[in-house]
Amino acid sequence: MTQTLLEPPAVDAPQLLRQRMAAARLGFTWLGARKSLSAEQKSRAADPFGAEGKYLSAGKKLLDTSHPAFKAVTAVRSQTQAYWKSISLPFPEPGIRLIRQDQLEPFDVRLREFQAELAQAVEELDQHYDELRQAARQRLGDLFDPHDYPASLLGLFAIEHDFPSVEPPDYLRQLQPELYEQECRRVRARFTEAVALAEQAFAEELARLVEHLSERLSSDEAGKTRIFRDSAVGNLTEFFQRFQQLNIGSNEELERLVVQARQVLGDVGPGELRESPSLRERIRTQMAGVQAGLDQWLVERPRRNLLRKPR
C-alpha cells in the first residue's frame, strides 16, 4: 500500500533505541556482613528444637550494619543505583541499562564522583572497624570467629562501571556472514524486548505515582484531609521530565496517558493542594481517569506484545 502524506512513517523503536542509546554496566564489590553457620554450629542450634542441623538454615551477622559509618557506605551504593536508573532504560541483560549517548560523559563523571565518595565513606568506616569487631565479639559469643574478619576494610568495597558493546562484532561480517546475520537478529530481538521493558517500566511507575497522589488527595475514613509530602507532587514532576528525556515515541497510547497526567497536574504545587479542597478534589477526580487508562493499558499489555511480536 502506498503511504499518503497524512500517514507518518511508523516508528522503528528498536532501531531508534540502538541509534540513540549506549549500554552502561554497573557493578559493586561489597563486603558481606552475614555468614552462614558451620555444620557443627547449626547442629548445636538445632538441638533445643530436636531438629537435625542439615535441615536448619542459620547465619550470623558479622558487623552492625545500623552503625552510622556503615549506613553511610550503604547510602553511597543506594544513591549510585538510583542515579543510574534515573537516567537509563532497562535492557534484558543483567547489570546493563541503556543511557543516551550524549549522557555518556556526564554519567562517567558522576560515577567517578560516587567512587570517590565511597572511598571516603569506607575510610571513615575503617576507623570504626575495631569498635565494630569488639561489639560483634560481645554479641556473637561463642559464634565469634576472628578469621571471619579481614585486617582492614579498605579495598573491600568498590563501584565499577563500563560501557560494553551489545552489537554484533563486525569481524563476523567477513568471517562468518551467516553467524553475523544470526547475531543481528538476536540483537534486534534484544532491543525489541528493551522497548517493551521501557514501556512497561514507565507505565507501572506512572500508575504507582498517580495512585499515591490520588490516595493522598482523598479524605480518610473520618472525612479528614490526609497529610501528604511534597514528594507526592515532586516525584510526578520528575517522572514527566525523565519520560521526556528518555521516551523514543514507541507507544502513542502511553504517551497520551503521560500527557493527560501532566495536563491534570499542570503547575499546581503542594501548597496549593493543601490550601484548596476544591482543587484537590478536581485533580483527584481527573487523575482517576488517568489511573483507569493505565490499568487498562497494563492489563492489555501481554495481548499487545503477542500481536506485535516480530516474525
C-alpha atoms as a PDB file:
ATOM      1  CA  MET A   1       0.000   0.000   0.000  1.00  0.00           C
ATOM      2  CA  THR A   2       1.284   3.443  -0.910  1.00  0.00           C
ATOM      3  CA  GLN A   3       1.845   5.712   2.078  1.00  0.00           C
ATOM      4  CA  THR A   4      -0.009   9.030   1.959  1.00  0.00           C
ATOM      5  CA  LEU A   5       1.231  12.344   3.283  1.00  0.00           C
ATOM      6  CA  LEU A   6      -1.328  12.104   6.088  1.00  0.00           C
ATOM      7  CA  GLU A   7       0.215   8.882   7.424  1.00  0.00           C
ATOM      8  CA  PRO A   8       3.555   9.433   9.193  1.00  0.00           C
ATOM      9  CA  PRO A   9       6.061   6.602   8.851  1.00  0.00           C
ATOM     10  CA  ALA A  10       5.865   4.016  11.609  1.00  0.00           C
ATOM     11  CA  VAL A  11       8.485   4.449  14.321  1.00  0.00           C
ATOM     12  CA  ASP A  12      11.090   1.689  14.282  1.00  0.00           C
ATOM     13  CA  ALA A  13      11.533   1.865  18.043  1.00  0.00           C
ATOM     14  CA  PRO A  14      14.179  -0.877  18.420  1.00  0.00           C
ATOM     15  CA  GLN A  15      16.334   0.747  15.738  1.00  0.00           C
ATOM     16  CA  LEU A  16      15.909   4.199  17.274  1.00  0.00           C
ATOM     17  CA  LEU A  17      16.967   2.771  20.620  1.00  0.00           C
ATOM     18  CA  ARG A  18      20.105   1.303  19.044  1.00  0.00           C
ATOM     19  CA  GLN A  19      20.952   4.582  17.356  1.00  0.00           C
ATOM     20  CA  ARG A  20      20.371   6.896  20.297  1.00  0.00           C
ATOM     21  CA  MET A  21      21.390   4.837  23.309  1.00  0.00           C
ATOM     22  CA  ALA A  22      24.515   3.126  24.635  1.00  0.00           C
ATOM     23  CA  ALA A  23      24.875   0.240  27.054  1.00  0.00           C
ATOM     24  CA  ALA A  24      26.165   1.056  30.532  1.00  0.00           C
ATOM     25  CA  ARG A  25      27.017  -1.630  33.068  1.00  0.00           C
ATOM     26  CA  LEU A  26      27.162  -1.061  36.810  1.00  0.00           C
ATOM     27  CA  GLY A  27      28.620  -3.443  39.358  1.00  0.00           C
ATOM     28  CA  PHE A  28      29.610  -3.484  43.023  1.00  0.00           C
ATOM     29  CA  THR A  29      32.255  -5.221  45.092  1.00  0.00           C
ATOM     30  CA  TRP A  30      30.819  -5.428  48.589  1.00  0.00           C
ATOM     31  CA  LEU A  31      31.856  -6.987  51.865  1.00  0.00           C
ATOM     32  CA  GLY A  32      29.248  -9.444  53.098  1.00  0.00           C
ATOM     33  CA  ALA A  33      28.040  -8.590  56.590  1.00  0.00           C
ATOM     34  CA  ARG A  34      26.481 -12.013  57.177  1.00  0.00           C
ATOM     35  CA  LYS A  35      27.826 -15.553  57.162  1.00  0.00           C
ATOM     36  CA  SER A  36      26.184 -18.962  57.377  1.00  0.00           C
ATOM     37  CA  LEU A  37      26.831 -21.038  60.472  1.00  0.00           C
ATOM     38  CA  SER A  38      29.094 -24.047  60.158  1.00  0.00           C
ATOM     39  CA  ALA A  39      27.583 -27.532  60.146  1.00  0.00           C
ATOM     40  CA  GLU A  40      28.631 -28.011  63.777  1.00  0.00           C
ATOM     41  CA  GLN A  41      27.100 -24.694  64.828  1.00  0.00           C
ATOM     42  CA  LYS A  42      23.828 -25.451  63.027  1.00  0.00           C
ATOM     43  CA  SER A  43      23.707 -28.851  64.722  1.00  0.00           C
ATOM     44  CA  ARG A  44      24.128 -27.210  68.115  1.00  0.00           C
ATOM     45  CA  ALA A  45      21.476 -24.628  67.284  1.00  0.00           C
ATOM     46  CA  ALA A  46      19.058 -27.393  66.239  1.00  0.00           C
ATOM     47  CA  ASP A  47      19.418 -29.459  69.413  1.00  0.00           C
ATOM     48  CA  PRO A  48      16.995 -27.413  71.597  1.00  0.00           C
ATOM     49  CA  PHE A  49      14.308 -27.981  68.955  1.00  0.00           C
ATOM     50  CA  GLY A  50      15.050 -31.671  68.449  1.00  0.00           C
ATOM     51  CA  ALA A  51      15.837 -30.933  64.812  1.00  0.00           C
ATOM     52  CA  GLU A  52      18.632 -32.070  62.505  1.00  0.00           C
ATOM     53  CA  GLY A  53      21.249 -29.429  61.703  1.00  0.00           C
ATOM     54  CA  LYS A  54      21.247 -30.176  57.974  1.00  0.00           C
ATOM     55  CA  TYR A  55      17.589 -29.158  57.805  1.00  0.00           C
ATOM     56  CA  LEU A  56      18.237 -25.859  59.527  1.00  0.00           C
ATOM     57  CA  SER A  57      19.208 -22.637  57.790  1.00  0.00           C
ATOM     58  CA  ALA A  58      21.035 -20.239  60.109  1.00  0.00           C
ATOM     59  CA  GLY A  59      23.504 -17.399  59.867  1.00  0.00           C
ATOM     60  CA  LYS A  60      25.275 -14.787  61.925  1.00  0.00           C
ATOM     61  CA  LYS A  61      25.629 -11.057  61.479  1.00  0.00           C
ATOM     62  CA  LEU A  62      29.314 -10.178  61.385  1.00  0.00           C
ATOM     63  CA  LEU A  63      29.005  -6.402  61.719  1.00  0.00           C
ATOM     64  CA  ASP A  64      26.372  -3.971  62.933  1.00  0.00           C
ATOM     65  CA  THR A  65      25.091  -2.548  59.642  1.00  0.00           C
ATOM     66  CA  SER A  66      22.997   0.002  61.537  1.00  0.00           C
ATOM     67  CA  HIS A  67      26.149   1.809  62.661  1.00  0.00           C
ATOM     68  CA  PRO A  68      26.184   5.339  61.141  1.00  0.00           C
ATOM     69  CA  ALA A  69      29.521   4.739  59.415  1.00  0.00           C
ATOM     70  CA  PHE A  70      28.262   1.523  57.807  1.00  0.00           C
ATOM     71  CA  LYS A  71      24.993   3.203  56.795  1.00  0.00           C
ATOM     72  CA  ALA A  72      26.998   5.972  55.116  1.00  0.00           C
ATOM     73  CA  VAL A  73      28.770   3.377  52.974  1.00  0.00           C
ATOM     74  CA  THR A  74      25.483   1.690  52.069  1.00  0.00           C
ATOM     75  CA  ALA A  75      23.950   5.076  51.232  1.00  0.00           C
ATOM     76  CA  VAL A  76      26.542   5.680  48.506  1.00  0.00           C
ATOM     77  CA  ARG A  77      25.581   2.404  46.835  1.00  0.00           C
ATOM     78  CA  SER A  78      21.876   3.269  47.014  1.00  0.00           C
ATOM     79  CA  GLN A  79      22.490   6.740  45.575  1.00  0.00           C
ATOM     80  CA  THR A  80      24.589   5.296  42.759  1.00  0.00           C
ATOM     81  CA  GLN A  81      21.919   2.784  41.804  1.00  0.00           C
ATOM     82  CA  ALA A  82      19.187   5.434  41.971  1.00  0.00           C
ATOM     83  CA  TYR A  83      21.155   7.794  39.721  1.00  0.00           C
ATOM     84  CA  TRP A  84      21.920   5.023  37.206  1.00  0.00           C
ATOM     85  CA  LYS A  85      18.262   4.062  36.946  1.00  0.00           C
ATOM     86  CA  SER A  86      17.079   7.677  36.767  1.00  0.00           C
ATOM     87  CA  ILE A  87      18.973   8.379  33.527  1.00  0.00           C
ATOM     88  CA  SER A  88      18.619   4.999  31.834  1.00  0.00           C
ATOM     89  CA  LEU A  89      16.236   2.450  30.373  1.00  0.00           C
ATOM     90  CA  PRO A  90      16.121  -1.280  31.159  1.00  0.00           C
ATOM     91  CA  PHE A  91      17.882  -3.809  28.951  1.00  0.00           C
ATOM     92  CA  PRO A  92      17.317  -7.600  29.018  1.00  0.00           C
ATOM     93  CA  GLU A  93      20.826  -8.423  30.282  1.00  0.00           C
ATOM     94  CA  PRO A  94      21.740  -8.433  33.987  1.00  0.00           C
ATOM     95  CA  GLY A  95      23.613  -5.364  35.166  1.00  0.00           C
ATOM     96  CA  ILE A  96      23.143  -3.458  31.902  1.00  0.00           C
ATOM     97  CA  ARG A  97      20.903  -0.494  31.154  1.00  0.00           C
ATOM     98  CA  LEU A  98      20.704   1.917  28.214  1.00  0.00           C
ATOM     99  CA  ILE A  99      21.626   5.589  28.509  1.00  0.00           C
ATOM    100  CA  ARG A 100      21.522   8.360  25.934  1.00  0.00           C
ATOM    101  CA  GLN A 101      24.775   8.682  24.026  1.00  0.00           C
ATOM    102  CA  ASP A 102      25.040  12.380  24.887  1.00  0.00           C
ATOM    103  CA  GLN A 103      24.970  11.390  28.568  1.00  0.00           C
ATOM    104  CA  LEU A 104      27.974   9.056  28.437  1.00  0.00           C
ATOM    105  CA  GLU A 105      30.480  11.628  29.640  1.00  0.00           C
ATOM    106  CA  PRO A 106      28.273  13.090  32.412  1.00  0.00           C
ATOM    107  CA  PHE A 107      27.492   9.529  33.547  1.00  0.00           C
ATOM    108  CA  ASP A 108      31.183   8.635  33.671  1.00  0.00           C
ATOM    109  CA  VAL A 109      31.997  11.809  35.614  1.00  0.00           C
ATOM    110  CA  ARG A 110      29.194  11.238  38.130  1.00  0.00           C
ATOM    111  CA  LEU A 111      30.174   7.603  38.674  1.00  0.00           C
ATOM    112  CA  ARG A 112      33.744   8.647  39.425  1.00  0.00           C
ATOM    113  CA  GLU A 113      32.372  11.089  41.972  1.00  0.00           C
ATOM    114  CA  PHE A 114      30.404   8.273  43.590  1.00  0.00           C
ATOM    115  CA  GLN A 115      33.578   6.152  43.649  1.00  0.00           C
ATOM    116  CA  ALA A 116      35.415   8.944  45.472  1.00  0.00           C
ATOM    117  CA  GLU A 117      32.518   9.329  47.924  1.00  0.00           C
ATOM    118  CA  LEU A 118      32.549   5.588  48.572  1.00  0.00           C
ATOM    119  CA  ALA A 119      36.308   5.545  49.182  1.00  0.00           C
ATOM    120  CA  GLN A 120      35.910   8.341  51.730  1.00  0.00           C
ATOM    121  CA  ALA A 121      32.980   6.598  53.445  1.00  0.00           C
ATOM    122  CA  VAL A 122      34.900   3.289  53.628  1.00  0.00           C
ATOM    123  CA  GLU A 123      37.910   5.066  55.101  1.00  0.00           C
ATOM    124  CA  GLU A 124      35.647   6.501  57.796  1.00  0.00           C
ATOM    125  CA  LEU A 125      34.111   3.071  58.402  1.00  0.00           C
ATOM    126  CA  ASP A 126      37.558   1.508  58.733  1.00  0.00           C
ATOM    127  CA  GLN A 127      38.316   3.912  61.581  1.00  0.00           C
ATOM    128  CA  HIS A 128      35.405   2.331  63.482  1.00  0.00           C
ATOM    129  CA  TYR A 129      36.299  -1.226  62.471  1.00  0.00           C
ATOM    130  CA  ASP A 130      37.917  -2.261  65.788  1.00  0.00           C
ATOM    131  CA  GLU A 131      34.886  -0.929  67.629  1.00  0.00           C
ATOM    132  CA  LEU A 132      32.542  -2.920  65.375  1.00  0.00           C
ATOM    133  CA  ARG A 133      34.559  -6.120  65.799  1.00  0.00           C
ATOM    134  CA  GLN A 134      34.551  -5.773  69.572  1.00  0.00           C
ATOM    135  CA  ALA A 135      30.786  -5.265  69.534  1.00  0.00           C
ATOM    136  CA  ALA A 136      30.407  -8.367  67.357  1.00  0.00           C
ATOM    137  CA  ARG A 137      32.582 -10.388  69.753  1.00  0.00           C
ATOM    138  CA  GLN A 138      30.301  -9.481  72.650  1.00  0.00           C
ATOM    139  CA  ARG A 139      27.061 -10.110  70.748  1.00  0.00           C
ATOM    140  CA  LEU A 140      28.034 -13.332  68.993  1.00  0.00           C
ATOM    141  CA  GLY A 141      29.617 -15.038  71.995  1.00  0.00           C
ATOM    142  CA  ASP A 142      30.935 -18.478  71.012  1.00  0.00           C
ATOM    143  CA  LEU A 143      29.882 -17.865  67.408  1.00  0.00           C
ATOM    144  CA  PHE A 144      32.510 -15.137  67.032  1.00  0.00           C
ATOM    145  CA  ASP A 145      35.400 -16.232  64.831  1.00  0.00           C
ATOM    146  CA  PRO A 146      38.279 -13.781  64.261  1.00  0.00           C
ATOM    147  CA  HIS A 147      39.005 -15.485  60.940  1.00  0.00           C
ATOM    148  CA  ASP A 148      35.727 -14.070  59.608  1.00  0.00           C
ATOM    149  CA  TYR A 149      37.191 -10.571  59.778  1.00  0.00           C
ATOM    150  CA  PRO A 150      39.798  -9.141  57.371  1.00  0.00           C
ATOM    151  CA  ALA A 151      42.591  -6.988  58.784  1.00  0.00           C
ATOM    152  CA  SER A 152      41.111  -3.869  57.166  1.00  0.00           C
ATOM    153  CA  LEU A 153      38.007  -2.829  55.250  1.00  0.00           C
ATOM    154  CA  LEU A 154      39.951  -0.711  52.771  1.00  0.00           C
ATOM    155  CA  GLY A 155      39.638  -2.050  49.246  1.00  0.00           C
ATOM    156  CA  LEU A 156      36.719  -4.350  50.062  1.00  0.00           C
ATOM    157  CA  PHE A 157      34.035  -2.018  48.706  1.00  0.00           C
ATOM    158  CA  ALA A 158      34.046  -0.733  45.137  1.00  0.00           C
ATOM    159  CA  ILE A 159      31.818   0.639  42.383  1.00  0.00           C
ATOM    160  CA  GLU A 160      32.666  -0.470  38.836  1.00  0.00           C
ATOM    161  CA  HIS A 161      31.162   0.753  35.578  1.00  0.00           C
ATOM    162  CA  ASP A 162      31.901   0.259  31.914  1.00  0.00           C
ATOM    163  CA  PHE A 163      30.263   0.530  28.504  1.00  0.00           C
ATOM    164  CA  PRO A 164      30.019  -2.954  26.962  1.00  0.00           C
ATOM    165  CA  SER A 165      29.201  -3.457  23.321  1.00  0.00           C
ATOM    166  CA  VAL A 166      25.843  -5.113  22.724  1.00  0.00           C
ATOM    167  CA  GLU A 167      26.159  -5.026  18.930  1.00  0.00           C
ATOM    168  CA  PRO A 168      27.296  -7.958  16.754  1.00  0.00           C
ATOM    169  CA  PRO A 169      31.109  -7.992  16.360  1.00  0.00           C
ATOM    170  CA  ASP A 170      31.929  -6.514  12.974  1.00  0.00           C
ATOM    171  CA  TYR A 171      34.626  -9.088  12.199  1.00  0.00           C
ATOM    172  CA  LEU A 172      31.904 -11.739  11.862  1.00  0.00           C
ATOM    173  CA  ARG A 173      30.579  -9.945   8.780  1.00  0.00           C
ATOM    174  CA  GLN A 174      33.551 -11.147   6.720  1.00  0.00           C
ATOM    175  CA  LEU A 175      34.479 -14.336   8.571  1.00  0.00           C
ATOM    176  CA  GLN A 176      31.035 -15.839   9.165  1.00  0.00           C
ATOM    177  CA  PRO A 177      28.263 -13.948   7.304  1.00  0.00           C
ATOM    178  CA  GLU A 178      25.556 -16.387   8.387  1.00  0.00           C
ATOM    179  CA  LEU A 179      26.604 -16.186  12.024  1.00  0.00           C
ATOM    180  CA  TYR A 180      26.742 -12.394  11.725  1.00  0.00           C
ATOM    181  CA  GLU A 181      23.149 -12.311  10.443  1.00  0.00           C
ATOM    182  CA  GLN A 182      22.112 -14.605  13.267  1.00  0.00           C
ATOM    183  CA  GLU A 183      23.704 -12.224  15.773  1.00  0.00           C
ATOM    184  CA  CYS A 184      21.968  -9.264  14.116  1.00  0.00           C
ATOM    185  CA  ARG A 185      18.608 -10.956  14.607  1.00  0.00           C
ATOM    186  CA  ARG A 186      19.455 -11.746  18.230  1.00  0.00           C
ATOM    187  CA  VAL A 187      20.454  -8.133  18.954  1.00  0.00           C
ATOM    188  CA  ARG A 188      17.352  -6.851  17.178  1.00  0.00           C
ATOM    189  CA  ALA A 189      15.228  -9.096  19.408  1.00  0.00           C
ATOM    190  CA  ARG A 190      17.019  -7.800  22.493  1.00  0.00           C
ATOM    191  CA  PHE A 191      16.266  -4.192  21.598  1.00  0.00           C
ATOM    192  CA  THR A 192      12.662  -5.076  20.771  1.00  0.00           C
ATOM    193  CA  GLU A 193      12.405  -6.524  24.258  1.00  0.00           C
ATOM    194  CA  ALA A 194      14.125  -3.433  25.678  1.00  0.00           C
ATOM    195  CA  VAL A 195      11.425  -1.237  24.126  1.00  0.00           C
ATOM    196  CA  ALA A 196       8.722  -3.346  25.770  1.00  0.00           C
ATOM    197  CA  LEU A 197      10.552  -3.249  29.111  1.00  0.00           C
ATOM    198  CA  ALA A 198      10.873   0.544  28.926  1.00  0.00           C
ATOM    199  CA  GLU A 199       7.173   0.998  28.151  1.00  0.00           C
ATOM    200  CA  GLN A 200       6.216  -1.349  30.974  1.00  0.00           C
ATOM    201  CA  ALA A 201       8.501   0.418  33.448  1.00  0.00           C
ATOM    202  CA  PHE A 202       7.179   3.861  32.508  1.00  0.00           C
ATOM    203  CA  ALA A 203       3.547   2.749  32.761  1.00  0.00           C
ATOM    204  CA  GLU A 204       3.994   0.981  36.103  1.00  0.00           C
ATOM    205  CA  GLU A 205       5.873   3.914  37.619  1.00  0.00           C
ATOM    206  CA  LEU A 206       3.284   6.434  36.446  1.00  0.00           C
ATOM    207  CA  ALA A 207       0.452   4.224  37.733  1.00  0.00           C
ATOM    208  CA  ARG A 208       2.138   3.967  41.125  1.00  0.00           C
ATOM    209  CA  LEU A 209       2.733   7.729  41.367  1.00  0.00           C
ATOM    210  CA  VAL A 210      -0.787   8.618  40.249  1.00  0.00           C
ATOM    211  CA  GLU A 211      -2.327   6.131  42.668  1.00  0.00           C
ATOM    212  CA  HIS A 212      -0.232   7.500  45.541  1.00  0.00           C
ATOM    213  CA  LEU A 213      -1.145  11.127  44.787  1.00  0.00           C
ATOM    214  CA  SER A 214      -4.841  10.259  44.406  1.00  0.00           C
ATOM    215  CA  GLU A 215      -4.804   8.409  47.732  1.00  0.00           C
ATOM    216  CA  ARG A 216      -3.143  11.380  49.456  1.00  0.00           C
ATOM    217  CA  LEU A 217      -5.684  13.799  47.970  1.00  0.00           C
ATOM    218  CA  SER A 218      -8.658  11.798  49.222  1.00  0.00           C
ATOM    219  CA  SER A 219     -10.175  12.069  52.698  1.00  0.00           C
ATOM    220  CA  ASP A 220      -9.645   9.443  55.360  1.00  0.00           C
ATOM    221  CA  GLU A 221     -12.370   7.304  56.929  1.00  0.00           C
ATOM    222  CA  ALA A 222     -13.332  10.149  59.255  1.00  0.00           C
ATOM    223  CA  GLY A 223     -13.670  12.588  56.363  1.00  0.00           C
ATOM    224  CA  LYS A 224     -10.499  14.474  57.303  1.00  0.00           C
ATOM    225  CA  THR A 225      -7.960  15.721  54.790  1.00  0.00           C
ATOM    226  CA  ARG A 226      -4.940  13.444  54.560  1.00  0.00           C
ATOM    227  CA  ILE A 227      -1.443  14.832  55.060  1.00  0.00           C
ATOM    228  CA  PHE A 228       0.867  14.347  52.118  1.00  0.00           C
ATOM    229  CA  ARG A 229       4.516  15.112  51.464  1.00  0.00           C
ATOM    230  CA  ASP A 230       5.761  17.455  48.762  1.00  0.00           C
ATOM    231  CA  SER A 231       7.324  14.404  47.095  1.00  0.00           C
ATOM    232  CA  ALA A 232       3.850  13.189  46.074  1.00  0.00           C
ATOM    233  CA  VAL A 233       3.863  16.037  43.553  1.00  0.00           C
ATOM    234  CA  GLY A 234       7.630  16.335  43.059  1.00  0.00           C
ATOM    235  CA  ASN A 235       8.064  12.686  42.083  1.00  0.00           C
ATOM    236  CA  LEU A 236       5.429  13.069  39.376  1.00  0.00           C
ATOM    237  CA  THR A 237       7.141  16.181  38.027  1.00  0.00           C
ATOM    238  CA  GLU A 238      10.477  14.351  37.931  1.00  0.00           C
ATOM    239  CA  PHE A 239       8.814  11.453  36.113  1.00  0.00           C
ATOM    240  CA  PHE A 240       7.468  13.771  33.411  1.00  0.00           C
ATOM    241  CA  GLN A 241      10.944  15.220  32.873  1.00  0.00           C
ATOM    242  CA  ARG A 242      12.580  11.796  32.712  1.00  0.00           C
ATOM    243  CA  PHE A 243       9.922  10.482  30.325  1.00  0.00           C
ATOM    244  CA  GLN A 244      10.514  13.437  28.025  1.00  0.00           C
ATOM    245  CA  GLN A 245      14.259  12.783  28.028  1.00  0.00           C
ATOM    246  CA  LEU A 246      14.167   9.003  27.552  1.00  0.00           C
ATOM    247  CA  ASN A 247      10.974   8.317  25.623  1.00  0.00           C
ATOM    248  CA  ILE A 248      11.511   7.318  21.977  1.00  0.00           C
ATOM    249  CA  GLY A 249       7.906   7.587  20.831  1.00  0.00           C
ATOM    250  CA  SER A 250       7.279   3.858  20.676  1.00  0.00           C
ATOM    251  CA  ASN A 251       3.733   3.863  22.065  1.00  0.00           C
ATOM    252  CA  GLU A 252       1.188   6.580  21.293  1.00  0.00           C
ATOM    253  CA  GLU A 253      -1.318   5.405  23.887  1.00  0.00           C
ATOM    254  CA  LEU A 254       1.241   5.514  26.678  1.00  0.00           C
ATOM    255  CA  GLU A 255       2.363   8.972  25.550  1.00  0.00           C
ATOM    256  CA  ARG A 256      -1.252  10.151  25.581  1.00  0.00           C
ATOM    257  CA  LEU A 257      -1.693   8.970  29.169  1.00  0.00           C
ATOM    258  CA  VAL A 258       1.518  10.697  30.272  1.00  0.00           C
ATOM    259  CA  VAL A 259       0.421  13.941  28.581  1.00  0.00           C
ATOM    260  CA  GLN A 260      -3.005  13.624  30.196  1.00  0.00           C
ATOM    261  CA  ALA A 261      -1.488  13.206  33.664  1.00  0.00           C
ATOM    262  CA  ARG A 262       0.846  16.138  33.065  1.00  0.00           C
ATOM    263  CA  GLN A 263      -2.017  18.373  31.990  1.00  0.00           C
ATOM    264  CA  VAL A 264      -4.107  17.389  35.007  1.00  0.00           C
ATOM    265  CA  LEU A 265      -1.322  18.315  37.413  1.00  0.00           C
ATOM    266  CA  GLY A 266      -0.245  21.388  35.461  1.00  0.00           C
ATOM    267  CA  ASP A 267       1.824  23.807  37.524  1.00  0.00           C
ATOM    268  CA  VAL A 268      -0.003  23.053  40.753  1.00  0.00           C
ATOM    269  CA  GLY A 269       2.276  22.916  43.786  1.00  0.00           C
ATOM    270  CA  PRO A 270       1.901  21.049  47.088  1.00  0.00           C
ATOM    271  CA  GLY A 271       0.992  24.252  48.922  1.00  0.00           C
ATOM    272  CA  GLU A 272      -1.937  24.979  46.624  1.00  0.00           C
ATOM    273  CA  LEU A 273      -3.260  21.452  47.068  1.00  0.00           C
ATOM    274  CA  ARG A 274      -3.114  21.758  50.845  1.00  0.00           C
ATOM    275  CA  GLU A 275      -4.995  25.064  50.835  1.00  0.00           C
ATOM    276  CA  SER A 276      -7.748  24.312  48.293  1.00  0.00           C
ATOM    277  CA  PRO A 277     -10.181  21.418  48.897  1.00  0.00           C
ATOM    278  CA  SER A 278     -11.878  22.033  45.525  1.00  0.00           C
ATOM    279  CA  LEU A 279      -8.528  21.862  43.705  1.00  0.00           C
ATOM    280  CA  ARG A 280      -7.649  18.616  45.494  1.00  0.00           C
ATOM    281  CA  GLU A 281     -10.953  17.080  44.512  1.00  0.00           C
ATOM    282  CA  ARG A 282     -10.676  18.194  40.883  1.00  0.00           C
ATOM    283  CA  ILE A 283      -7.204  16.771  40.462  1.00  0.00           C
ATOM    284  CA  ARG A 284      -8.098  13.577  42.320  1.00  0.00           C
ATOM    285  CA  THR A 285     -11.119  13.030  40.076  1.00  0.00           C
ATOM    286  CA  GLN A 286      -9.200  13.702  36.854  1.00  0.00           C
ATOM    287  CA  MET A 287      -6.276  11.542  37.968  1.00  0.00           C
ATOM    288  CA  ALA A 288      -8.750   8.701  38.487  1.00  0.00           C
ATOM    289  CA  GLY A 289      -9.361   8.792  34.732  1.00  0.00           C
ATOM    290  CA  VAL A 290      -5.617   8.580  34.075  1.00  0.00           C
ATOM    291  CA  GLN A 291      -5.319   5.689  36.512  1.00  0.00           C
ATOM    292  CA  ALA A 292      -8.168   3.816  34.819  1.00  0.00           C
ATOM    293  CA  GLY A 293      -6.451   4.244  31.443  1.00  0.00           C
ATOM    294  CA  LEU A 294      -3.143   2.996  32.816  1.00  0.00           C
ATOM    295  CA  ASP A 295      -4.789  -0.005  34.460  1.00  0.00           C
ATOM    296  CA  GLN A 296      -6.417  -0.948  31.167  1.00  0.00           C
ATOM    297  CA  TRP A 297      -3.151  -0.428  29.278  1.00  0.00           C
ATOM    298  CA  LEU A 298      -1.261  -2.681  31.688  1.00  0.00           C
ATOM    299  CA  VAL A 299      -3.933  -5.391  31.563  1.00  0.00           C
ATOM    300  CA  GLU A 300      -3.961  -5.438  27.767  1.00  0.00           C
ATOM    301  CA  ARG A 301      -0.160  -5.249  27.517  1.00  0.00           C
ATOM    302  CA  PRO A 302       0.504  -9.012  27.150  1.00  0.00           C
ATOM    303  CA  ARG A 303      -2.017  -9.184  24.294  1.00  0.00           C
ATOM    304  CA  ARG A 304      -0.392  -6.223  22.535  1.00  0.00           C
ATOM    305  CA  ASN A 305       3.031  -7.829  22.799  1.00  0.00           C
ATOM    306  CA  LEU A 306       1.683 -11.006  21.259  1.00  0.00           C
ATOM    307  CA  LEU A 307       0.048  -9.155  18.393  1.00  0.00           C
ATOM    308  CA  ARG A 308       3.208  -7.139  17.673  1.00  0.00           C
ATOM    309  CA  LYS A 309       5.666  -9.998  18.006  1.00  0.00           C
ATOM    310  CA  PRO A 310       8.141  -9.735  15.116  1.00  0.00           C
ATOM    311  CA  ARG A 311       8.067 -12.507  12.564  1.00  0.00           C
END
